[in-house]
Amino acid sequence: MIDVNEAYLLGMLFGKGSIIPTTEGKVVLNFRVKFRRPTDASLRTDNIHTKALERKFVESLRSKLSNDFSEIINLLRSTWNIDSIIDLPNTYDLNDWAMKEMLIRSYEIPSNHERLCELLRVESLDNTALLHFPFHLNMEENKAISLSFLQGICDSCSLVANEASSSYGGEGDARIQLEPSQERWEIPIGICKLFQVGLDISVNNINWGHPQIRGEKVWRGQNHQFRVYLRNIPPQVELYRLNYKREEYRSLYNRRKVVYEKGKLCPIRKNVKKGEIIHIHRSDNKNLNSELLDERIRGIDVNASKRKSVIICKLLGCTQCDNYFDVVIDDVEDSV
């Protein structure tokens, strides 16, 4: 069993967190949030789509995050008996738009921390534990647990569309975007399951950090992009715990006058028919054989028009794809 606070902290850890070995038998946990916006009223002139909002009080995001992070520090202590501090590893001008980071860093804990090892199903803690989604916890069977984990994910690695960023997606609809780290290939599958099974919310798309999706020249180091339309999120679902992100999300939701509509769940909404068999092939293309790719998709050409993402989901073991369509991998074709 897992409770809502543990689910939230795990979501934070899997989103942008890390487990770093220190002295023998010890590790530290890092929970990080990255941001560019200097203050809660800062607007990027190249992306303003609506009139600037009037704010009676302007506050730096570092200040707002510090208040939020203090609550997470208390949560770590009360949930796992772990003490931690707020760390500011980057020095920056609060008035510029350079990438900034705030970090909660735990004090050293045993690498065999009993509860964390149990939750992650490992004997000893290190960063490789975060490469595999904890499917064994069956979080999707409980709505409150599903939501809490997703709140941790959204707090740590989501971009809330607003005047400070891109307010619209490619199809002209406001959305949230999650950006899990490229090496964590199972995380988008797990997130998708929590949205679709746990909360009955459809997923717009997963833009995998893959050379045939992000472009062969620039894909290395590109995070996965996980997108959900606001119109498919019920108004009573609160996806954020951090105050500054929750405020931005609610402002966007209300400003866009979003009218909730239940979306079709994947793979039904994708360009794939029930019972269809999609043929793809192995390839000797250097990029497709990169060690940056999960071994389950390494050396495989997924270049099927408008179906690349769902093919990758299928190959990575997404259970939503079971009994709906199949993928057959044929022999090697010469790379182009």
C-alpha atoms as a PDB file:
ATOM      1  CA  MET A   1       0.000   0.000   0.000  1.00  0.00           C
ATOM      2  CA  ILE A   2       1.018   3.589  -0.656  1.00  0.00           C
ATOM      3  CA  ASP A   3      -0.548   6.768   0.701  1.00  0.00           C
ATOM      4  CA  VAL A   4      -1.182  10.070  -1.070  1.00  0.00           C
ATOM      5  CA  ASN A   5       1.854  11.881   0.353  1.00  0.00           C
ATOM      6  CA  GLU A   6       4.195   9.060  -0.613  1.00  0.00           C
ATOM      7  CA  ALA A   7       2.687   9.064  -4.110  1.00  0.00           C
ATOM      8  CA  TYR A   8       3.262  12.818  -4.402  1.00  0.00           C
ATOM      9  CA  LEU A   9       6.892  12.616  -3.287  1.00  0.00           C
ATOM     10  CA  LEU A  10       7.520   9.714  -5.673  1.00  0.00           C
ATOM     11  CA  GLY A  11       6.049  11.803  -8.492  1.00  0.00           C
ATOM     12  CA  MET A  12       8.430  14.649  -7.627  1.00  0.00           C
ATOM     13  CA  LEU A  13      11.342  12.192  -7.575  1.00  0.00           C
ATOM     14  CA  PHE A  14      10.479  10.554 -10.897  1.00  0.00           C
ATOM     15  CA  GLY A  15       9.735  13.891 -12.579  1.00  0.00           C
ATOM     16  CA  LYS A  16      13.050  15.738 -12.211  1.00  0.00           C
ATOM     17  CA  GLY A  17      14.532  14.172  -9.109  1.00  0.00           C
ATOM     18  CA  SER A  18      17.648  12.083  -8.645  1.00  0.00           C
ATOM     19  CA  ILE A  19      19.284   9.688  -6.176  1.00  0.00           C
ATOM     20  CA  ILE A  20      22.972  10.445  -5.730  1.00  0.00           C
ATOM     21  CA  PRO A  21      25.428   8.099  -3.943  1.00  0.00           C
ATOM     22  CA  THR A  22      27.703   9.923  -1.488  1.00  0.00           C
ATOM     23  CA  THR A  23      29.741   8.066   1.111  1.00  0.00           C
ATOM     24  CA  GLU A  24      29.657   4.278   1.263  1.00  0.00           C
ATOM     25  CA  GLY A  25      26.163   3.025   1.963  1.00  0.00           C
ATOM     26  CA  LYS A  26      24.648   6.523   1.826  1.00  0.00           C
ATOM     27  CA  VAL A  27      22.708   8.550  -0.745  1.00  0.00           C
ATOM     28  CA  VAL A  28      20.997  11.920  -1.000  1.00  0.00           C
ATOM     29  CA  LEU A  29      17.677  12.636  -2.691  1.00  0.00           C
ATOM     30  CA  ASN A  30      17.351  15.663  -4.950  1.00  0.00           C
ATOM     31  CA  PHE A  31      13.957  17.191  -5.777  1.00  0.00           C
ATOM     32  CA  ARG A  32      14.278  19.950  -8.367  1.00  0.00           C
ATOM     33  CA  VAL A  33      12.119  22.460 -10.177  1.00  0.00           C
ATOM     34  CA  LYS A  34      13.452  24.389 -13.161  1.00  0.00           C
ATOM     35  CA  PHE A  35      11.996  27.671 -14.332  1.00  0.00           C
ATOM     36  CA  ARG A  36      12.822  30.728 -16.468  1.00  0.00           C
ATOM     37  CA  ARG A  37      10.207  33.273 -15.468  1.00  0.00           C
ATOM     38  CA  PRO A  38      11.831  35.813 -13.090  1.00  0.00           C
ATOM     39  CA  THR A  39       8.637  36.987 -11.352  1.00  0.00           C
ATOM     40  CA  ASP A  40       5.015  35.939 -11.301  1.00  0.00           C
ATOM     41  CA  ALA A  41       4.208  38.949 -13.512  1.00  0.00           C
ATOM     42  CA  SER A  42       7.025  38.628 -16.074  1.00  0.00           C
ATOM     43  CA  LEU A  43       5.898  38.454 -19.705  1.00  0.00           C
ATOM     44  CA  ARG A  44       7.881  37.395 -22.737  1.00  0.00           C
ATOM     45  CA  THR A  45       7.232  39.897 -25.514  1.00  0.00           C
ATOM     46  CA  ASP A  46       7.761  37.289 -28.238  1.00  0.00           C
ATOM     47  CA  ASN A  47       4.951  35.087 -26.940  1.00  0.00           C
ATOM     48  CA  ILE A  48       2.222  37.399 -25.676  1.00  0.00           C
ATOM     49  CA  HIS A  49      -1.137  36.215 -27.006  1.00  0.00           C
ATOM     50  CA  THR A  50      -3.403  38.004 -24.547  1.00  0.00           C
ATOM     51  CA  LYS A  51      -3.421  41.312 -22.726  1.00  0.00           C
ATOM     52  CA  ALA A  52      -1.061  41.499 -19.776  1.00  0.00           C
ATOM     53  CA  LEU A  53      -2.751  40.647 -16.523  1.00  0.00           C
ATOM     54  CA  GLU A  54      -2.923  43.311 -13.847  1.00  0.00           C
ATOM     55  CA  ARG A  55      -1.236  42.196 -10.658  1.00  0.00           C
ATOM     56  CA  LYS A  56      -1.382  44.095  -7.400  1.00  0.00           C
ATOM     57  CA  PHE A  57       1.765  42.407  -6.139  1.00  0.00           C
ATOM     58  CA  VAL A  58       4.824  41.179  -8.004  1.00  0.00           C
ATOM     59  CA  GLU A  59       6.840  38.397  -6.381  1.00  0.00           C
ATOM     60  CA  SER A  60       9.970  36.607  -7.530  1.00  0.00           C
ATOM     61  CA  LEU A  61       9.470  32.957  -8.327  1.00  0.00           C
ATOM     62  CA  ARG A  62      12.422  32.123  -6.111  1.00  0.00           C
ATOM     63  CA  SER A  63      10.512  33.580  -3.182  1.00  0.00           C
ATOM     64  CA  LYS A  64       7.287  31.806  -4.115  1.00  0.00           C
ATOM     65  CA  LEU A  65       9.107  28.510  -4.601  1.00  0.00           C
ATOM     66  CA  SER A  66      10.917  28.865  -1.290  1.00  0.00           C
ATOM     67  CA  ASN A  67       7.583  29.010   0.516  1.00  0.00           C
ATOM     68  CA  ASP A  68       6.288  25.993  -1.400  1.00  0.00           C
ATOM     69  CA  PHE A  69       9.476  24.026  -0.860  1.00  0.00           C
ATOM     70  CA  SER A  70       9.267  24.553   2.874  1.00  0.00           C
ATOM     71  CA  GLU A  71       6.056  22.531   2.803  1.00  0.00           C
ATOM     72  CA  ILE A  72       7.790  19.732   0.889  1.00  0.00           C
ATOM     73  CA  ILE A  73      10.599  19.695   3.449  1.00  0.00           C
ATOM     74  CA  ASN A  74       8.016  19.174   6.174  1.00  0.00           C
ATOM     75  CA  LEU A  75       6.348  16.476   4.077  1.00  0.00           C
ATOM     76  CA  LEU A  76       9.620  14.558   3.656  1.00  0.00           C
ATOM     77  CA  ARG A  77      10.188  14.622   7.396  1.00  0.00           C
ATOM     78  CA  SER A  78       6.674  13.511   8.326  1.00  0.00           C
ATOM     79  CA  THR A  79       6.372  10.869   5.586  1.00  0.00           C
ATOM     80  CA  TRP A  80       9.788   9.183   5.392  1.00  0.00           C
ATOM     81  CA  ASN A  81      11.608  10.744   8.372  1.00  0.00           C
ATOM     82  CA  ILE A  82      14.064  12.408   5.989  1.00  0.00           C
ATOM     83  CA  ASP A  83      15.543  15.826   6.775  1.00  0.00           C
ATOM     84  CA  SER A  84      16.398  18.159   3.900  1.00  0.00           C
ATOM     85  CA  ILE A  85      17.306  21.722   2.952  1.00  0.00           C
ATOM     86  CA  ILE A  86      16.547  24.172   0.140  1.00  0.00           C
ATOM     87  CA  ASP A  87      19.539  24.566  -2.153  1.00  0.00           C
ATOM     88  CA  LEU A  88      20.105  27.233  -4.811  1.00  0.00           C
ATOM     89  CA  PRO A  89      22.891  25.756  -6.974  1.00  0.00           C
ATOM     90  CA  ASN A  90      22.562  28.369  -9.717  1.00  0.00           C
ATOM     91  CA  THR A  91      23.528  31.998  -9.385  1.00  0.00           C
ATOM     92  CA  TYR A  92      21.488  34.214 -11.654  1.00  0.00           C
ATOM     93  CA  ASP A  93      20.079  37.650 -12.246  1.00  0.00           C
ATOM     94  CA  LEU A  94      16.489  37.587 -11.023  1.00  0.00           C
ATOM     95  CA  ASN A  95      15.524  39.885 -13.889  1.00  0.00           C
ATOM     96  CA  ASP A  96      16.653  37.697 -16.784  1.00  0.00           C
ATOM     97  CA  TRP A  97      15.057  34.708 -18.494  1.00  0.00           C
ATOM     98  CA  ALA A  98      17.989  32.302 -18.117  1.00  0.00           C
ATOM     99  CA  MET A  99      17.198  28.802 -16.883  1.00  0.00           C
ATOM    100  CA  LYS A 100      16.990  28.758 -13.092  1.00  0.00           C
ATOM    101  CA  GLU A 101      16.738  25.858 -10.705  1.00  0.00           C
ATOM    102  CA  MET A 102      15.625  25.370  -7.148  1.00  0.00           C
ATOM    103  CA  LEU A 103      16.495  22.187  -5.358  1.00  0.00           C
ATOM    104  CA  ILE A 104      15.479  20.362  -2.230  1.00  0.00           C
ATOM    105  CA  ARG A 105      18.431  18.264  -1.152  1.00  0.00           C
ATOM    106  CA  SER A 106      18.043  15.645   1.535  1.00  0.00           C
ATOM    107  CA  TYR A 107      20.667  14.944   4.140  1.00  0.00           C
ATOM    108  CA  GLU A 108      22.393  11.596   3.726  1.00  0.00           C
ATOM    109  CA  ILE A 109      20.145   8.579   4.180  1.00  0.00           C
ATOM    110  CA  PRO A 110      21.015   4.862   4.102  1.00  0.00           C
ATOM    111  CA  SER A 111      21.054   3.448   0.576  1.00  0.00           C
ATOM    112  CA  ASN A 112      18.969   0.576   1.948  1.00  0.00           C
ATOM    113  CA  HIS A 113      16.273   2.918   3.342  1.00  0.00           C
ATOM    114  CA  GLU A 114      13.603   0.321   4.052  1.00  0.00           C
ATOM    115  CA  ARG A 115      10.481   2.133   2.888  1.00  0.00           C
ATOM    116  CA  LEU A 116      11.968   3.657  -0.255  1.00  0.00           C
ATOM    117  CA  CYS A 117      13.534   0.356  -1.298  1.00  0.00           C
ATOM    118  CA  GLU A 118      10.163  -1.304  -0.789  1.00  0.00           C
ATOM    119  CA  LEU A 119       8.334   1.314  -2.881  1.00  0.00           C
ATOM    120  CA  LEU A 120      10.921   1.220  -5.690  1.00  0.00           C
ATOM    121  CA  ARG A 121      11.369  -2.562  -5.417  1.00  0.00           C
ATOM    122  CA  VAL A 122      15.169  -2.401  -5.186  1.00  0.00           C
ATOM    123  CA  GLU A 123      17.697  -3.660  -2.628  1.00  0.00           C
ATOM    124  CA  SER A 124      19.750  -0.489  -2.716  1.00  0.00           C
ATOM    125  CA  LEU A 125      18.974   3.055  -3.819  1.00  0.00           C
ATOM    126  CA  ASP A 126      20.683   4.685  -6.776  1.00  0.00           C
ATOM    127  CA  ASN A 127      19.601   6.680  -9.813  1.00  0.00           C
ATOM    128  CA  THR A 128      18.902   3.576 -11.922  1.00  0.00           C
ATOM    129  CA  ALA A 129      15.865   2.944  -9.704  1.00  0.00           C
ATOM    130  CA  LEU A 130      14.213   5.946 -11.390  1.00  0.00           C
ATOM    131  CA  LEU A 131      14.532   4.430 -14.874  1.00  0.00           C
ATOM    132  CA  HIS A 132      11.681   2.019 -14.178  1.00  0.00           C
ATOM    133  CA  PHE A 133       8.142   3.104 -13.395  1.00  0.00           C
ATOM    134  CA  PRO A 134       6.670   1.503 -10.223  1.00  0.00           C
ATOM    135  CA  PHE A 135       3.879  -0.347 -12.045  1.00  0.00           C
ATOM    136  CA  HIS A 136       3.804  -2.876  -9.181  1.00  0.00           C
ATOM    137  CA  LEU A 137       2.172  -0.263  -6.919  1.00  0.00           C
ATOM    138  CA  ASN A 138      -0.986  -0.309  -9.099  1.00  0.00           C
ATOM    139  CA  MET A 139      -1.552   3.374  -8.377  1.00  0.00           C
ATOM    140  CA  GLU A 140      -4.062   3.637 -11.216  1.00  0.00           C
ATOM    141  CA  GLU A 141      -6.537   1.583  -9.171  1.00  0.00           C
ATOM    142  CA  ASN A 142      -7.066   4.494  -6.771  1.00  0.00           C
ATOM    143  CA  LYS A 143      -8.058   7.943  -8.022  1.00  0.00           C
ATOM    144  CA  ALA A 144      -6.578   9.839  -5.056  1.00  0.00           C
ATOM    145  CA  ILE A 145      -3.252   8.014  -5.378  1.00  0.00           C
ATOM    146  CA  SER A 146      -3.194   8.547  -9.170  1.00  0.00           C
ATOM    147  CA  LEU A 147      -3.820  12.259  -8.726  1.00  0.00           C
ATOM    148  CA  SER A 148      -1.179  12.659  -5.995  1.00  0.00           C
ATOM    149  CA  PHE A 149       1.545  11.021  -8.099  1.00  0.00           C
ATOM    150  CA  LEU A 150       0.584  13.179 -11.091  1.00  0.00           C
ATOM    151  CA  GLN A 151       0.685  16.283  -8.880  1.00  0.00           C
ATOM    152  CA  GLY A 152       4.296  15.431  -8.041  1.00  0.00           C
ATOM    153  CA  ILE A 153       5.069  14.921 -11.731  1.00  0.00           C
ATOM    154  CA  CYS A 154       3.316  18.161 -12.746  1.00  0.00           C
ATOM    155  CA  ASP A 155       4.960  20.188  -9.981  1.00  0.00           C
ATOM    156  CA  SER A 156       8.422  19.021 -10.995  1.00  0.00           C
ATOM    157  CA  CYS A 157       8.415  18.811 -14.794  1.00  0.00           C
ATOM    158  CA  SER A 158       5.373  20.531 -16.286  1.00  0.00           C
ATOM    159  CA  LEU A 159       5.144  23.702 -18.306  1.00  0.00           C
ATOM    160  CA  VAL A 160       1.963  25.688 -17.751  1.00  0.00           C
ATOM    161  CA  ALA A 161       1.002  27.586 -20.872  1.00  0.00           C
ATOM    162  CA  ASN A 162       0.698  31.320 -20.140  1.00  0.00           C
ATOM    163  CA  GLU A 163       1.905  34.715 -21.358  1.00  0.00           C
ATOM    164  CA  ALA A 164       5.387  33.707 -20.256  1.00  0.00           C
ATOM    165  CA  SER A 165       5.478  30.742 -22.622  1.00  0.00           C
ATOM    166  CA  SER A 166       3.497  29.398 -25.534  1.00  0.00           C
ATOM    167  CA  SER A 167      -0.205  29.770 -24.803  1.00  0.00           C
ATOM    168  CA  TYR A 168      -1.349  27.403 -27.512  1.00  0.00           C
ATOM    169  CA  GLY A 169      -0.437  24.002 -28.859  1.00  0.00           C
ATOM    170  CA  GLY A 170      -0.001  23.203 -32.525  1.00  0.00           C
ATOM    171  CA  GLU A 171      -3.745  22.687 -32.896  1.00  0.00           C
ATOM    172  CA  GLY A 172      -4.610  26.013 -31.269  1.00  0.00           C
ATOM    173  CA  ASP A 173      -5.711  24.585 -27.918  1.00  0.00           C
ATOM    174  CA  ALA A 174      -4.308  25.469 -24.505  1.00  0.00           C
ATOM    175  CA  ARG A 175      -2.563  22.522 -22.882  1.00  0.00           C
ATOM    176  CA  ILE A 176      -0.173  21.449 -20.192  1.00  0.00           C
ATOM    177  CA  GLN A 177       3.109  19.856 -21.167  1.00  0.00           C
ATOM    178  CA  LEU A 178       5.193  17.492 -19.036  1.00  0.00           C
ATOM    179  CA  GLU A 179       8.860  16.972 -19.851  1.00  0.00           C
ATOM    180  CA  PRO A 180      10.286  13.818 -18.220  1.00  0.00           C
ATOM    181  CA  SER A 181      14.020  13.269 -18.692  1.00  0.00           C
ATOM    182  CA  GLN A 182      15.042  11.490 -21.881  1.00  0.00           C
ATOM    183  CA  GLU A 183      16.609   8.468 -20.208  1.00  0.00           C
ATOM    184  CA  ARG A 184      13.391   7.618 -18.317  1.00  0.00           C
ATOM    185  CA  TRP A 185      11.532   5.833 -21.100  1.00  0.00           C
ATOM    186  CA  GLU A 186       8.995   4.080 -18.860  1.00  0.00           C
ATOM    187  CA  ILE A 187       7.799   7.254 -17.143  1.00  0.00           C
ATOM    188  CA  PRO A 188       5.515   8.528 -19.964  1.00  0.00           C
ATOM    189  CA  ILE A 189       3.861   5.080 -20.146  1.00  0.00           C
ATOM    190  CA  GLY A 190       3.185   5.156 -16.400  1.00  0.00           C
ATOM    191  CA  ILE A 191       1.961   8.760 -16.508  1.00  0.00           C
ATOM    192  CA  CYS A 192      -0.367   7.920 -19.389  1.00  0.00           C
ATOM    193  CA  LYS A 193      -1.834   5.009 -17.419  1.00  0.00           C
ATOM    194  CA  LEU A 194      -2.510   7.232 -14.398  1.00  0.00           C
ATOM    195  CA  PHE A 195      -4.220   9.863 -16.543  1.00  0.00           C
ATOM    196  CA  GLN A 196      -6.286   7.441 -18.617  1.00  0.00           C
ATOM    197  CA  VAL A 197      -7.056   4.633 -16.178  1.00  0.00           C
ATOM    198  CA  GLY A 198      -6.713   6.425 -12.852  1.00  0.00           C
ATOM    199  CA  LEU A 199      -8.409   9.723 -13.766  1.00  0.00           C
ATOM    200  CA  ASP A 200     -10.204   8.891 -17.043  1.00  0.00           C
ATOM    201  CA  ILE A 201      -8.480  11.817 -18.790  1.00  0.00           C
ATOM    202  CA  SER A 202      -7.395  11.419 -22.399  1.00  0.00           C
ATOM    203  CA  VAL A 203      -3.810  12.205 -23.436  1.00  0.00           C
ATOM    204  CA  ASN A 204      -3.139  14.416 -26.429  1.00  0.00           C
ATOM    205  CA  ASN A 205       0.265  13.078 -27.428  1.00  0.00           C
ATOM    206  CA  ILE A 206       3.663  11.842 -26.308  1.00  0.00           C
ATOM    207  CA  ASN A 207       6.485  13.465 -28.245  1.00  0.00           C
ATOM    208  CA  TRP A 208       9.173  10.923 -27.440  1.00  0.00           C
ATOM    209  CA  GLY A 209      12.839  11.938 -27.241  1.00  0.00           C
ATOM    210  CA  HIS A 210      13.478   9.787 -30.295  1.00  0.00           C
ATOM    211  CA  PRO A 211      15.429  10.608 -33.491  1.00  0.00           C
ATOM    212  CA  GLN A 212      12.448   9.939 -35.780  1.00  0.00           C
ATOM    213  CA  ILE A 213      10.186  12.184 -33.693  1.00  0.00           C
ATOM    214  CA  ARG A 214      12.454  15.000 -32.495  1.00  0.00           C
ATOM    215  CA  GLY A 215      14.738  15.039 -35.567  1.00  0.00           C
ATOM    216  CA  GLU A 216      17.948  13.071 -36.122  1.00  0.00           C
ATOM    217  CA  LYS A 217      20.194  16.131 -35.798  1.00  0.00           C
ATOM    218  CA  VAL A 218      18.848  17.482 -32.509  1.00  0.00           C
ATOM    219  CA  TRP A 219      17.193  14.621 -30.604  1.00  0.00           C
ATOM    220  CA  ARG A 220      20.101  13.813 -28.274  1.00  0.00           C
ATOM    221  CA  GLY A 221      19.334  15.161 -24.824  1.00  0.00           C
ATOM    222  CA  GLN A 222      15.774  16.106 -25.800  1.00  0.00           C
ATOM    223  CA  ASN A 223      13.286  15.367 -23.028  1.00  0.00           C
ATOM    224  CA  HIS A 224      10.063  13.516 -23.747  1.00  0.00           C
ATOM    225  CA  GLN A 225       7.085  15.855 -24.181  1.00  0.00           C
ATOM    226  CA  PHE A 226       3.796  14.645 -22.734  1.00  0.00           C
ATOM    227  CA  ARG A 227       0.737  16.766 -23.582  1.00  0.00           C
ATOM    228  CA  VAL A 228      -2.823  16.999 -22.256  1.00  0.00           C
ATOM    229  CA  TYR A 229      -5.444  19.453 -23.487  1.00  0.00           C
ATOM    230  CA  LEU A 230      -7.088  21.619 -20.833  1.00  0.00           C
ATOM    231  CA  ARG A 231     -10.487  20.955 -22.354  1.00  0.00           C
ATOM    232  CA  ASN A 232     -10.118  17.250 -21.459  1.00  0.00           C
ATOM    233  CA  ILE A 233      -9.286  17.943 -17.790  1.00  0.00           C
ATOM    234  CA  PRO A 234     -12.366  18.195 -15.518  1.00  0.00           C
ATOM    235  CA  PRO A 235     -12.478  21.532 -13.636  1.00  0.00           C
ATOM    236  CA  GLN A 236     -12.484  19.786 -10.226  1.00  0.00           C
ATOM    237  CA  VAL A 237      -9.179  17.999 -10.919  1.00  0.00           C
ATOM    238  CA  GLU A 238      -6.298  19.908  -9.294  1.00  0.00           C
ATOM    239  CA  LEU A 239      -3.060  18.867 -10.994  1.00  0.00           C
ATOM    240  CA  TYR A 240      -0.694  21.006  -8.874  1.00  0.00           C
ATOM    241  CA  ARG A 241       0.304  21.376  -5.245  1.00  0.00           C
ATOM    242  CA  LEU A 242       2.977  24.053  -5.692  1.00  0.00           C
ATOM    243  CA  ASN A 243       1.152  27.355  -5.298  1.00  0.00           C
ATOM    244  CA  TYR A 244       2.791  29.246  -8.135  1.00  0.00           C
ATOM    245  CA  LYS A 245       2.018  26.530 -10.690  1.00  0.00           C
ATOM    246  CA  ARG A 246      -1.482  26.021  -9.374  1.00  0.00           C
ATOM    247  CA  GLU A 247      -2.159  29.760  -9.680  1.00  0.00           C
ATOM    248  CA  GLU A 248      -0.887  29.856 -13.268  1.00  0.00           C
ATOM    249  CA  TYR A 249      -2.881  26.771 -14.212  1.00  0.00           C
ATOM    250  CA  ARG A 250      -6.119  28.069 -12.699  1.00  0.00           C
ATOM    251  CA  SER A 251      -5.599  31.474 -14.298  1.00  0.00           C
ATOM    252  CA  LEU A 252      -5.138  29.857 -17.704  1.00  0.00           C
ATOM    253  CA  TYR A 253      -8.108  27.535 -17.200  1.00  0.00           C
ATOM    254  CA  ASN A 254     -10.416  30.422 -16.286  1.00  0.00           C
ATOM    255  CA  ARG A 255      -9.005  32.903 -18.805  1.00  0.00           C
ATOM    256  CA  ARG A 256      -9.444  30.522 -21.719  1.00  0.00           C
ATOM    257  CA  LYS A 257     -12.990  29.788 -20.525  1.00  0.00           C
ATOM    258  CA  VAL A 258     -12.327  26.100 -20.976  1.00  0.00           C
ATOM    259  CA  VAL A 259     -15.420  23.973 -21.418  1.00  0.00           C
ATOM    260  CA  TYR A 260     -14.764  20.418 -20.295  1.00  0.00           C
ATOM    261  CA  GLU A 261     -15.343  17.689 -22.820  1.00  0.00           C
ATOM    262  CA  LYS A 262     -14.562  14.034 -22.272  1.00  0.00           C
ATOM    263  CA  GLY A 263     -11.917  12.940 -24.751  1.00  0.00           C
ATOM    264  CA  LYS A 264     -11.372   9.575 -26.350  1.00  0.00           C
ATOM    265  CA  LEU A 265      -8.756   7.450 -24.651  1.00  0.00           C
ATOM    266  CA  CYS A 266      -5.679   6.209 -26.499  1.00  0.00           C
ATOM    267  CA  PRO A 267      -5.239   4.189 -28.679  1.00  0.00           C
ATOM    268  CA  ILE A 268      -8.821   4.744 -29.911  1.00  0.00           C
ATOM    269  CA  ARG A 269      -8.148   8.433 -30.661  1.00  0.00           C
ATOM    270  CA  LYS A 270      -4.929   7.644 -32.547  1.00  0.00           C
ATOM    271  CA  ASN A 271      -4.608   6.879 -36.258  1.00  0.00           C
ATOM    272  CA  VAL A 272      -4.781   3.145 -35.723  1.00  0.00           C
ATOM    273  CA  LYS A 273      -7.684   0.759 -36.258  1.00  0.00           C
ATOM    274  CA  LYS A 274      -8.772  -2.003 -33.904  1.00  0.00           C
ATOM    275  CA  GLY A 275      -7.232  -5.282 -35.004  1.00  0.00           C
ATOM    276  CA  GLU A 276      -4.723  -3.567 -37.275  1.00  0.00           C
ATOM    277  CA  ILE A 277      -1.239  -5.024 -37.707  1.00  0.00           C
ATOM    278  CA  ILE A 278       1.429  -2.390 -38.260  1.00  0.00           C
ATOM    279  CA  HIS A 279       4.615  -3.568 -39.972  1.00  0.00           C
ATOM    280  CA  ILE A 280       7.872  -1.834 -39.117  1.00  0.00           C
ATOM    281  CA  HIS A 281      11.454  -3.023 -39.554  1.00  0.00           C
ATOM    282  CA  ARG A 282      14.839  -3.188 -37.930  1.00  0.00           C
ATOM    283  CA  SER A 283      17.488  -0.759 -39.075  1.00  0.00           C
ATOM    284  CA  ASP A 284      21.251  -0.336 -38.931  1.00  0.00           C
ATOM    285  CA  ASN A 285      20.855   3.452 -38.719  1.00  0.00           C
ATOM    286  CA  LYS A 286      23.384   4.728 -36.170  1.00  0.00           C
ATOM    287  CA  ASN A 287      20.926   7.013 -34.380  1.00  0.00           C
ATOM    288  CA  LEU A 288      18.340   4.248 -34.080  1.00  0.00           C
ATOM    289  CA  ASN A 289      20.948   2.019 -32.432  1.00  0.00           C
ATOM    290  CA  SER A 290      22.065   4.617 -29.910  1.00  0.00           C
ATOM    291  CA  GLU A 291      22.458   3.617 -26.260  1.00  0.00           C
ATOM    292  CA  LEU A 292      20.279   6.617 -25.403  1.00  0.00           C
ATOM    293  CA  LEU A 293      17.285   4.602 -26.615  1.00  0.00           C
ATOM    294  CA  ASP A 294      15.544   2.039 -24.444  1.00  0.00           C
ATOM    295  CA  GLU A 295      16.706  -1.441 -25.418  1.00  0.00           C
ATOM    296  CA  ARG A 296      13.125  -2.380 -26.345  1.00  0.00           C
ATOM    297  CA  ILE A 297      13.082   0.144 -29.194  1.00  0.00           C
ATOM    298  CA  ARG A 298      16.785   0.178 -30.080  1.00  0.00           C
ATOM    299  CA  GLY A 299      17.563  -0.605 -33.717  1.00  0.00           C
ATOM    300  CA  ILE A 300      13.931  -0.336 -34.798  1.00  0.00           C
ATOM    301  CA  ASP A 301      12.587   2.002 -37.495  1.00  0.00           C
ATOM    302  CA  VAL A 302       9.205   3.360 -36.287  1.00  0.00           C
ATOM    303  CA  ASN A 303       8.752   5.778 -39.188  1.00  0.00           C
ATOM    304  CA  ALA A 304       5.039   5.137 -39.785  1.00  0.00           C
ATOM    305  CA  SER A 305       3.170   8.321 -40.621  1.00  0.00           C
ATOM    306  CA  LYS A 306       1.191   9.815 -37.691  1.00  0.00           C
ATOM    307  CA  ARG A 307       1.633   6.615 -35.653  1.00  0.00           C
ATOM    308  CA  LYS A 308       5.216   6.812 -34.411  1.00  0.00           C
ATOM    309  CA  SER A 309       4.325   7.684 -30.817  1.00  0.00           C
ATOM    310  CA  VAL A 310       1.738   4.949 -30.374  1.00  0.00           C
ATOM    311  CA  ILE A 311       4.135   2.378 -31.913  1.00  0.00           C
ATOM    312  CA  ILE A 312       6.787   3.312 -29.367  1.00  0.00           C
ATOM    313  CA  CYS A 313       4.181   3.023 -26.596  1.00  0.00           C
ATOM    314  CA  LYS A 314       3.293  -0.470 -27.820  1.00  0.00           C
ATOM    315  CA  LEU A 315       6.941  -1.575 -27.995  1.00  0.00           C
ATOM    316  CA  LEU A 316       7.575  -0.233 -24.475  1.00  0.00           C
ATOM    317  CA  GLY A 317       4.777  -2.417 -23.124  1.00  0.00           C
ATOM    318  CA  CYS A 318       1.813  -0.040 -22.804  1.00  0.00           C
ATOM    319  CA  THR A 319      -1.119  -2.190 -21.644  1.00  0.00           C
ATOM    320  CA  GLN A 320      -3.634   0.256 -23.151  1.00  0.00           C
ATOM    321  CA  CYS A 321      -2.511  -1.068 -26.541  1.00  0.00           C
ATOM    322  CA  ASP A 322      -3.150  -4.739 -25.665  1.00  0.00           C
ATOM    323  CA  ASN A 323      -5.892  -6.466 -27.660  1.00  0.00           C
ATOM    324  CA  TYR A 324      -6.352  -3.379 -29.840  1.00  0.00           C
ATOM    325  CA  PHE A 325      -3.599  -3.454 -32.451  1.00  0.00           C
ATOM    326  CA  ASP A 326      -0.302  -5.226 -32.968  1.00  0.00           C
ATOM    327  CA  VAL A 327       3.157  -4.371 -34.253  1.00  0.00           C
ATOM    328  CA  VAL A 328       5.301  -6.755 -36.306  1.00  0.00           C
ATOM    329  CA  ILE A 329       9.015  -6.069 -36.629  1.00  0.00           C
ATOM    330  CA  ASP A 330      10.450  -7.246 -39.967  1.00  0.00           C
ATOM    331  CA  ASP A 331      14.088  -7.808 -40.947  1.00  0.00           C
ATOM    332  CA  VAL A 332      16.740  -5.105 -41.330  1.00  0.00           C
ATOM    333  CA  GLU A 333      16.464  -2.583 -44.118  1.00  0.00           C
ATOM    334  CA  ASP A 334      19.412  -0.471 -45.166  1.00  0.00           C
ATOM    335  CA  SER A 335      19.508   2.941 -43.522  1.00  0.00           C
ATOM    336  CA  VAL A 336      18.961   5.949 -45.721  1.00  0.00           C
END
